Amino acid sequence: MSIHIKNLKVRQRKAAATVMCAPQLQAMLGCWAATGDLHSLEKCKGTAETLFQCMRTAPMPKKMHKPTINYHLARLGKTIQ
């Protein structure tokens, strides 16, 4: 009994990217859309300041390691065939 693995690739599902300051950015864009204050001089000054504060304090996202399952399947495929 032999098992043949020909052109077998497995891809893991990608995790959804998390945006650190998404609520603050959404609030600022909503304020801009509602008031037209694109330079954040009057009405949107507070929301812009909260976004800048979030961006200053948010940690940088860590790099995800590339999964090695395809590498190991290729190694197994050579020994099985």
PDB file of N, CA and C in Angstrom:
ATOM      1  N   MET A   1       0.851  -1.176   0.000  1.00  0.00           N
ATOM      2  CA  MET A   1       0.000   0.000   0.000  1.00  0.00           C
ATOM      3  C   MET A   1       0.891   1.230   0.000  1.00  0.00           C
ATOM      4  N   SER A   2       0.672   2.096  -0.954  1.00  0.00           N
ATOM      5  CA  SER A   2       1.474   3.310  -1.021  1.00  0.00           C
ATOM      6  C   SER A   2       0.562   4.533  -1.078  1.00  0.00           C
ATOM      7  N   ILE A   3       1.061   5.596  -0.543  1.00  0.00           N
ATOM      8  CA  ILE A   3       0.320   6.857  -0.527  1.00  0.00           C
ATOM      9  C   ILE A   3       1.086   7.844  -1.392  1.00  0.00           C
ATOM     10  N   HIS A   4       0.408   8.468  -2.316  1.00  0.00           N
ATOM     11  CA  HIS A   4       1.038   9.449  -3.178  1.00  0.00           C
ATOM     12  C   HIS A   4       0.481  10.829  -2.848  1.00  0.00           C
ATOM     13  N   ILE A   5       1.379  11.754  -2.576  1.00  0.00           N
ATOM     14  CA  ILE A   5       0.992  13.141  -2.336  1.00  0.00           C
ATOM     15  C   ILE A   5       1.555  13.943  -3.498  1.00  0.00           C
ATOM     16  N   LYS A   6       0.689  14.296  -4.415  1.00  0.00           N
ATOM     17  CA  LYS A   6       1.139  15.030  -5.582  1.00  0.00           C
ATOM     18  C   LYS A   6       0.512  16.426  -5.553  1.00  0.00           C
ATOM     19  N   ASN A   7       1.370  17.410  -5.592  1.00  0.00           N
ATOM     20  CA  ASN A   7       0.943  18.817  -5.609  1.00  0.00           C
ATOM     21  C   ASN A   7      -0.028  19.138  -4.478  1.00  0.00           C
ATOM     22  N   LEU A   8       0.279  18.677  -3.301  1.00  0.00           N
ATOM     23  CA  LEU A   8      -0.573  18.930  -2.152  1.00  0.00           C
ATOM     24  C   LEU A   8      -0.067  20.161  -1.422  1.00  0.00           C
ATOM     25  N   LYS A   9      -0.925  21.125  -1.242  1.00  0.00           N
ATOM     26  CA  LYS A   9      -0.573  22.314  -0.488  1.00  0.00           C
ATOM     27  C   LYS A   9      -1.695  22.621   0.482  1.00  0.00           C
ATOM     28  N   VAL A  10      -1.326  23.001   1.666  1.00  0.00           N
ATOM     29  CA  VAL A  10      -2.296  23.363   2.687  1.00  0.00           C
ATOM     30  C   VAL A  10      -1.991  24.790   3.106  1.00  0.00           C
ATOM     31  N   ARG A  11      -2.993  25.616   3.052  1.00  0.00           N
ATOM     32  CA  ARG A  11      -2.834  26.999   3.479  1.00  0.00           C
ATOM     33  C   ARG A  11      -3.673  27.216   4.725  1.00  0.00           C
ATOM     34  N   GLN A  12      -3.050  27.790   5.726  1.00  0.00           N
ATOM     35  CA  GLN A  12      -3.794  28.095   6.932  1.00  0.00           C
ATOM     36  C   GLN A  12      -4.624  29.332   6.701  1.00  0.00           C
ATOM     37  N   ARG A  13      -5.723  29.423   7.404  1.00  0.00           N
ATOM     38  CA  ARG A  13      -6.556  30.613   7.299  1.00  0.00           C
ATOM     39  C   ARG A  13      -5.820  31.787   7.922  1.00  0.00           C
ATOM     40  N   LYS A  14      -5.895  32.900   7.235  1.00  0.00           N
ATOM     41  CA  LYS A  14      -5.250  34.100   7.750  1.00  0.00           C
ATOM     42  C   LYS A  14      -6.113  34.704   8.847  1.00  0.00           C
ATOM     43  N   ALA A  15      -5.465  35.084   9.913  1.00  0.00           N
ATOM     44  CA  ALA A  15      -6.184  35.728  11.000  1.00  0.00           C
ATOM     45  C   ALA A  15      -6.529  37.152  10.589  1.00  0.00           C
ATOM     46  N   ALA A  16      -7.646  37.624  11.043  1.00  0.00           N
ATOM     47  CA  ALA A  16      -8.049  38.980  10.718  1.00  0.00           C
ATOM     48  C   ALA A  16      -7.076  39.973  11.357  1.00  0.00           C
ATOM     49  N   ALA A  17      -6.681  40.938  10.581  1.00  0.00           N
ATOM     50  CA  ALA A  17      -5.748  41.941  11.084  1.00  0.00           C
ATOM     51  C   ALA A  17      -6.472  42.852  12.069  1.00  0.00           C
ATOM     52  N   THR A  18      -5.814  43.128  13.166  1.00  0.00           N
ATOM     53  CA  THR A  18      -6.395  44.013  14.154  1.00  0.00           C
ATOM     54  C   THR A  18      -5.785  45.395  13.994  1.00  0.00           C
ATOM     55  N   VAL A  19      -6.626  46.374  13.890  1.00  0.00           N
ATOM     56  CA  VAL A  19      -6.180  47.757  13.773  1.00  0.00           C
ATOM     57  C   VAL A  19      -6.287  48.363  15.158  1.00  0.00           C
ATOM     58  N   MET A  20      -5.165  48.878  15.653  1.00  0.00           N
ATOM     59  CA  MET A  20      -5.115  49.327  17.042  1.00  0.00           C
ATOM     60  C   MET A  20      -6.024  50.528  17.318  1.00  0.00           C
ATOM     61  N   CYS A  21      -6.026  51.517  16.458  1.00  0.00           N
ATOM     62  CA  CYS A  21      -6.754  52.761  16.714  1.00  0.00           C
ATOM     63  C   CYS A  21      -7.956  52.921  15.797  1.00  0.00           C
ATOM     64  N   ALA A  22      -8.606  51.823  15.457  1.00  0.00           N
ATOM     65  CA  ALA A  22      -9.725  51.872  14.520  1.00  0.00           C
ATOM     66  C   ALA A  22     -10.901  52.705  15.034  1.00  0.00           C
ATOM     67  N   PRO A  23     -11.325  52.592  16.302  1.00  0.00           N
ATOM     68  CA  PRO A  23     -12.466  53.410  16.738  1.00  0.00           C
ATOM     69  C   PRO A  23     -12.171  54.908  16.701  1.00  0.00           C
ATOM     70  N   GLN A  24     -10.942  55.278  17.074  1.00  0.00           N
ATOM     71  CA  GLN A  24     -10.580  56.692  17.056  1.00  0.00           C
ATOM     72  C   GLN A  24     -10.518  57.221  15.626  1.00  0.00           C
ATOM     73  N   LEU A  25      -9.985  56.413  14.699  1.00  0.00           N
ATOM     74  CA  LEU A  25      -9.929  56.818  13.297  1.00  0.00           C
ATOM     75  C   LEU A  25     -11.338  56.934  12.725  1.00  0.00           C
ATOM     76  N   GLN A  26     -12.196  55.990  13.073  1.00  0.00           N
ATOM     77  CA  GLN A  26     -13.570  56.039  12.597  1.00  0.00           C
ATOM     78  C   GLN A  26     -14.282  57.276  13.126  1.00  0.00           C
ATOM     79  N   ALA A  27     -14.032  57.628  14.370  1.00  0.00           N
ATOM     80  CA  ALA A  27     -14.661  58.817  14.940  1.00  0.00           C
ATOM     81  C   ALA A  27     -14.173  60.083  14.238  1.00  0.00           C
ATOM     82  N   MET A  28     -12.884  60.150  13.935  1.00  0.00           N
ATOM     83  CA  MET A  28     -12.352  61.336  13.275  1.00  0.00           C
ATOM     84  C   MET A  28     -12.879  61.446  11.844  1.00  0.00           C
ATOM     85  N   LEU A  29     -12.923  60.341  11.110  1.00  0.00           N
ATOM     86  CA  LEU A  29     -13.454  60.369   9.754  1.00  0.00           C
ATOM     87  C   LEU A  29     -14.939  60.731   9.751  1.00  0.00           C
ATOM     88  N   GLY A  30     -15.665  60.228  10.732  1.00  0.00           N
ATOM     89  CA  GLY A  30     -17.085  60.581  10.854  1.00  0.00           C
ATOM     90  C   GLY A  30     -17.272  62.054  11.155  1.00  0.00           C
ATOM     91  N   CYS A  31     -16.416  62.599  11.995  1.00  0.00           N
ATOM     92  CA  CYS A  31     -16.482  64.023  12.309  1.00  0.00           C
ATOM     93  C   CYS A  31     -16.167  64.856  11.073  1.00  0.00           C
ATOM     94  N   TRP A  32     -15.146  64.441  10.343  1.00  0.00           N
ATOM     95  CA  TRP A  32     -14.809  65.160   9.109  1.00  0.00           C
ATOM     96  C   TRP A  32     -15.969  65.121   8.125  1.00  0.00           C
ATOM     97  N   ALA A  33     -16.602  63.969   7.982  1.00  0.00           N
ATOM     98  CA  ALA A  33     -17.708  63.831   7.039  1.00  0.00           C
ATOM     99  C   ALA A  33     -18.911  64.666   7.468  1.00  0.00           C
ATOM    100  N   ALA A  34     -19.140  64.751   8.775  1.00  0.00           N
ATOM    101  CA  ALA A  34     -20.316  65.467   9.262  1.00  0.00           C
ATOM    102  C   ALA A  34     -20.130  66.984   9.235  1.00  0.00           C
ATOM    103  N   THR A  35     -18.923  67.456   9.532  1.00  0.00           N
ATOM    104  CA  THR A  35     -18.726  68.895   9.685  1.00  0.00           C
ATOM    105  C   THR A  35     -17.934  69.532   8.551  1.00  0.00           C
ATOM    106  N   GLY A  36     -17.133  68.760   7.837  1.00  0.00           N
ATOM    107  CA  GLY A  36     -16.295  69.343   6.777  1.00  0.00           C
ATOM    108  C   GLY A  36     -15.052  70.018   7.321  1.00  0.00           C
ATOM    109  N   ASP A  37     -14.728  69.789   8.586  1.00  0.00           N
ATOM    110  CA  ASP A  37     -13.559  70.406   9.227  1.00  0.00           C
ATOM    111  C   ASP A  37     -12.331  69.528   8.980  1.00  0.00           C
ATOM    112  N   LEU A  38     -11.821  69.532   7.754  1.00  0.00           N
ATOM    113  CA  LEU A  38     -10.741  68.612   7.381  1.00  0.00           C
ATOM    114  C   LEU A  38      -9.407  68.937   8.033  1.00  0.00           C
ATOM    115  N   HIS A  39      -9.211  70.160   8.473  1.00  0.00           N
ATOM    116  CA  HIS A  39      -7.936  70.522   9.106  1.00  0.00           C
ATOM    117  C   HIS A  39      -7.988  70.382  10.623  1.00  0.00           C
ATOM    118  N   SER A  40      -9.112  69.926  11.157  1.00  0.00           N
ATOM    119  CA  SER A  40      -9.312  69.695  12.592  1.00  0.00           C
ATOM    120  C   SER A  40      -8.993  70.944  13.415  1.00  0.00           C
ATOM    121  N   LEU A  41      -9.526  72.073  12.981  1.00  0.00           N
ATOM    122  CA  LEU A  41      -9.262  73.322  13.685  1.00  0.00           C
ATOM    123  C   LEU A  41     -10.303  73.631  14.750  1.00  0.00           C
ATOM    124  N   GLU A  42     -11.551  73.253  14.500  1.00  0.00           N
ATOM    125  CA  GLU A  42     -12.599  73.652  15.439  1.00  0.00           C
ATOM    126  C   GLU A  42     -13.311  72.444  16.043  1.00  0.00           C
ATOM    127  N   LYS A  43     -14.273  71.901  15.321  1.00  0.00           N
ATOM    128  CA  LYS A  43     -15.154  70.873  15.879  1.00  0.00           C
ATOM    129  C   LYS A  43     -14.472  69.515  16.002  1.00  0.00           C
ATOM    130  N   CYS A  44     -13.551  69.201  15.129  1.00  0.00           N
ATOM    131  CA  CYS A  44     -12.922  67.871  15.127  1.00  0.00           C
ATOM    132  C   CYS A  44     -11.578  67.851  15.852  1.00  0.00           C
ATOM    133  N   LYS A  45     -11.265  68.899  16.554  1.00  0.00           N
ATOM    134  CA  LYS A  45      -9.969  68.970  17.230  1.00  0.00           C
ATOM    135  C   LYS A  45      -9.842  67.895  18.312  1.00  0.00           C
ATOM    136  N   GLY A  46     -10.913  67.668  19.052  1.00  0.00           N
ATOM    137  CA  GLY A  46     -10.883  66.669  20.126  1.00  0.00           C
ATOM    138  C   GLY A  46     -10.707  65.252  19.601  1.00  0.00           C
ATOM    139  N   THR A  47     -11.434  64.922  18.545  1.00  0.00           N
ATOM    140  CA  THR A  47     -11.317  63.573  17.993  1.00  0.00           C
ATOM    141  C   THR A  47      -9.949  63.349  17.358  1.00  0.00           C
ATOM    142  N   ALA A  48      -9.398  64.389  16.736  1.00  0.00           N
ATOM    143  CA  ALA A  48      -8.060  64.264  16.161  1.00  0.00           C
ATOM    144  C   ALA A  48      -7.020  64.076  17.260  1.00  0.00           C
ATOM    145  N   GLU A  49      -7.208  64.755  18.369  1.00  0.00           N
ATOM    146  CA  GLU A  49      -6.257  64.632  19.485  1.00  0.00           C
ATOM    147  C   GLU A  49      -6.311  63.232  20.097  1.00  0.00           C
ATOM    148  N   THR A  50      -7.503  62.633  20.206  1.00  0.00           N
ATOM    149  CA  THR A  50      -7.588  61.272  20.735  1.00  0.00           C
ATOM    150  C   THR A  50      -6.934  60.270  19.781  1.00  0.00           C
ATOM    151  N   LEU A  51      -7.065  60.503  18.471  1.00  0.00           N
ATOM    152  CA  LEU A  51      -6.411  59.617  17.502  1.00  0.00           C
ATOM    153  C   LEU A  51      -4.895  59.733  17.612  1.00  0.00           C
ATOM    154  N   PHE A  52      -4.383  60.952  17.710  1.00  0.00           N
ATOM    155  CA  PHE A  52      -2.933  61.133  17.838  1.00  0.00           C
ATOM    156  C   PHE A  52      -2.410  60.501  19.124  1.00  0.00           C
ATOM    157  N   GLN A  53      -3.160  60.634  20.217  1.00  0.00           N
ATOM    158  CA  GLN A  53      -2.746  60.031  21.489  1.00  0.00           C
ATOM    159  C   GLN A  53      -2.735  58.510  21.388  1.00  0.00           C
ATOM    160  N   CYS A  54      -3.724  57.947  20.723  1.00  0.00           N
ATOM    161  CA  CYS A  54      -3.767  56.497  20.538  1.00  0.00           C
ATOM    162  C   CYS A  54      -2.587  56.035  19.699  1.00  0.00           C
ATOM    163  N   MET A  55      -2.276  56.768  18.640  1.00  0.00           N
ATOM    164  CA  MET A  55      -1.168  56.377  17.774  1.00  0.00           C
ATOM    165  C   MET A  55       0.176  56.492  18.486  1.00  0.00           C
ATOM    166  N   ARG A  56       0.286  57.423  19.400  1.00  0.00           N
ATOM    167  CA  ARG A  56       1.540  57.557  20.163  1.00  0.00           C
ATOM    168  C   ARG A  56       1.736  56.409  21.139  1.00  0.00           C
ATOM    169  N   THR A  57       0.650  55.933  21.743  1.00  0.00           N
ATOM    170  CA  THR A  57       0.773  54.949  22.815  1.00  0.00           C
ATOM    171  C   THR A  57       0.543  53.510  22.363  1.00  0.00           C
ATOM    172  N   ALA A  58       0.020  53.303  21.163  1.00  0.00           N
ATOM    173  CA  ALA A  58      -0.285  51.937  20.707  1.00  0.00           C
ATOM    174  C   ALA A  58       1.012  51.175  20.422  1.00  0.00           C
ATOM    175  N   PRO A  59       1.111  49.924  20.870  1.00  0.00           N
ATOM    176  CA  PRO A  59       2.307  49.136  20.581  1.00  0.00           C
ATOM    177  C   PRO A  59       2.330  48.713  19.117  1.00  0.00           C
ATOM    178  N   MET A  60       3.524  48.544  18.599  1.00  0.00           N
ATOM    179  CA  MET A  60       3.672  48.092  17.222  1.00  0.00           C
ATOM    180  C   MET A  60       3.247  46.631  17.142  1.00  0.00           C
ATOM    181  N   PRO A  61       2.535  46.246  16.082  1.00  0.00           N
ATOM    182  CA  PRO A  61       2.131  44.836  15.954  1.00  0.00           C
ATOM    183  C   PRO A  61       3.341  43.943  15.721  1.00  0.00           C
ATOM    184  N   LYS A  62       3.294  42.757  16.309  1.00  0.00           N
ATOM    185  CA  LYS A  62       4.396  41.810  16.171  1.00  0.00           C
ATOM    186  C   LYS A  62       4.249  41.046  14.869  1.00  0.00           C
ATOM    187  N   LYS A  63       5.372  40.664  14.292  1.00  0.00           N
ATOM    188  CA  LYS A  63       5.346  39.893  13.057  1.00  0.00           C
ATOM    189  C   LYS A  63       4.913  38.468  13.363  1.00  0.00           C
ATOM    190  N   MET A  64       4.052  37.969  12.508  1.00  0.00           N
ATOM    191  CA  MET A  64       3.609  36.589  12.650  1.00  0.00           C
ATOM    192  C   MET A  64       4.598  35.686  11.920  1.00  0.00           C
ATOM    193  N   HIS A  65       4.891  34.541  12.520  1.00  0.00           N
ATOM    194  CA  HIS A  65       5.791  33.596  11.878  1.00  0.00           C
ATOM    195  C   HIS A  65       5.071  32.898  10.734  1.00  0.00           C
ATOM    196  N   LYS A  66       5.790  32.663   9.671  1.00  0.00           N
ATOM    197  CA  LYS A  66       5.216  31.992   8.512  1.00  0.00           C
ATOM    198  C   LYS A  66       5.041  30.513   8.855  1.00  0.00           C
ATOM    199  N   PRO A  67       3.856  29.963   8.604  1.00  0.00           N
ATOM    200  CA  PRO A  67       3.641  28.546   8.934  1.00  0.00           C
ATOM    201  C   PRO A  67       4.512  27.654   8.053  1.00  0.00           C
ATOM    202  N   THR A  68       4.973  26.557   8.624  1.00  0.00           N
ATOM    203  CA  THR A  68       5.910  25.666   7.931  1.00  0.00           C
ATOM    204  C   THR A  68       5.268  24.382   7.464  1.00  0.00           C
ATOM    205  N   ILE A  69       3.941  24.337   7.429  1.00  0.00           N
ATOM    206  CA  ILE A  69       3.275  23.079   7.093  1.00  0.00           C
ATOM    207  C   ILE A  69       3.572  22.643   5.663  1.00  0.00           C
ATOM    208  N   ASN A  70       3.657  23.589   4.712  1.00  0.00           N
ATOM    209  CA  ASN A  70       3.945  23.216   3.330  1.00  0.00           C
ATOM    210  C   ASN A  70       5.348  22.622   3.204  1.00  0.00           C
ATOM    211  N   TYR A  71       6.299  23.146   3.967  1.00  0.00           N
ATOM    212  CA  TYR A  71       7.665  22.616   3.961  1.00  0.00           C
ATOM    213  C   TYR A  71       7.667  21.168   4.452  1.00  0.00           C
ATOM    214  N   HIS A  72       6.972  20.916   5.546  1.00  0.00           N
ATOM    215  CA  HIS A  72       6.958  19.568   6.103  1.00  0.00           C
ATOM    216  C   HIS A  72       6.188  18.590   5.213  1.00  0.00           C
ATOM    217  N   LEU A  73       5.133  19.047   4.552  1.00  0.00           N
ATOM    218  CA  LEU A  73       4.419  18.180   3.623  1.00  0.00           C
ATOM    219  C   LEU A  73       5.294  17.823   2.423  1.00  0.00           C
ATOM    220  N   ALA A  74       6.101  18.765   1.972  1.00  0.00           N
ATOM    221  CA  ALA A  74       7.006  18.478   0.859  1.00  0.00           C
ATOM    222  C   ALA A  74       8.047  17.443   1.272  1.00  0.00           C
ATOM    223  N   ARG A  75       8.546  17.558   2.493  1.00  0.00           N
ATOM    224  CA  ARG A  75       9.505  16.566   2.985  1.00  0.00           C
ATOM    225  C   ARG A  75       8.869  15.191   3.094  1.00  0.00           C
ATOM    226  N   LEU A  76       7.650  15.134   3.608  1.00  0.00           N
ATOM    227  CA  LEU A  76       6.957  13.863   3.735  1.00  0.00           C
ATOM    228  C   LEU A  76       6.645  13.272   2.351  1.00  0.00           C
ATOM    229  N   GLY A  77       6.309  14.138   1.401  1.00  0.00           N
ATOM    230  CA  GLY A  77       5.977  13.666   0.078  1.00  0.00           C
ATOM    231  C   GLY A  77       7.146  12.950  -0.599  1.00  0.00           C
ATOM    232  N   LYS A  78       8.357  13.402  -0.313  1.00  0.00           N
ATOM    233  CA  LYS A  78       9.539  12.764  -0.910  1.00  0.00           C
ATOM    234  C   LYS A  78       9.752  11.375  -0.334  1.00  0.00           C
ATOM    235  N   THR A  79       9.460  11.183   0.934  1.00  0.00           N
ATOM    236  CA  THR A  79       9.690   9.870   1.548  1.00  0.00           C
ATOM    237  C   THR A  79       8.548   8.899   1.248  1.00  0.00           C
ATOM    238  N   ILE A  80       7.356   9.399   1.043  1.00  0.00           N
ATOM    239  CA  ILE A  80       6.212   8.525   0.814  1.00  0.00           C
ATOM    240  C   ILE A  80       6.194   7.976  -0.596  1.00  0.00           C
ATOM    241  N   GLN A  81       6.575   8.759  -1.574  1.00  0.00           N
ATOM    242  CA  GLN A  81       6.463   8.328  -2.975  1.00  0.00           C
ATOM    243  C   GLN A  81       7.459   7.281  -3.330  1.00  0.00           C
TER     244      GLN A  81
END
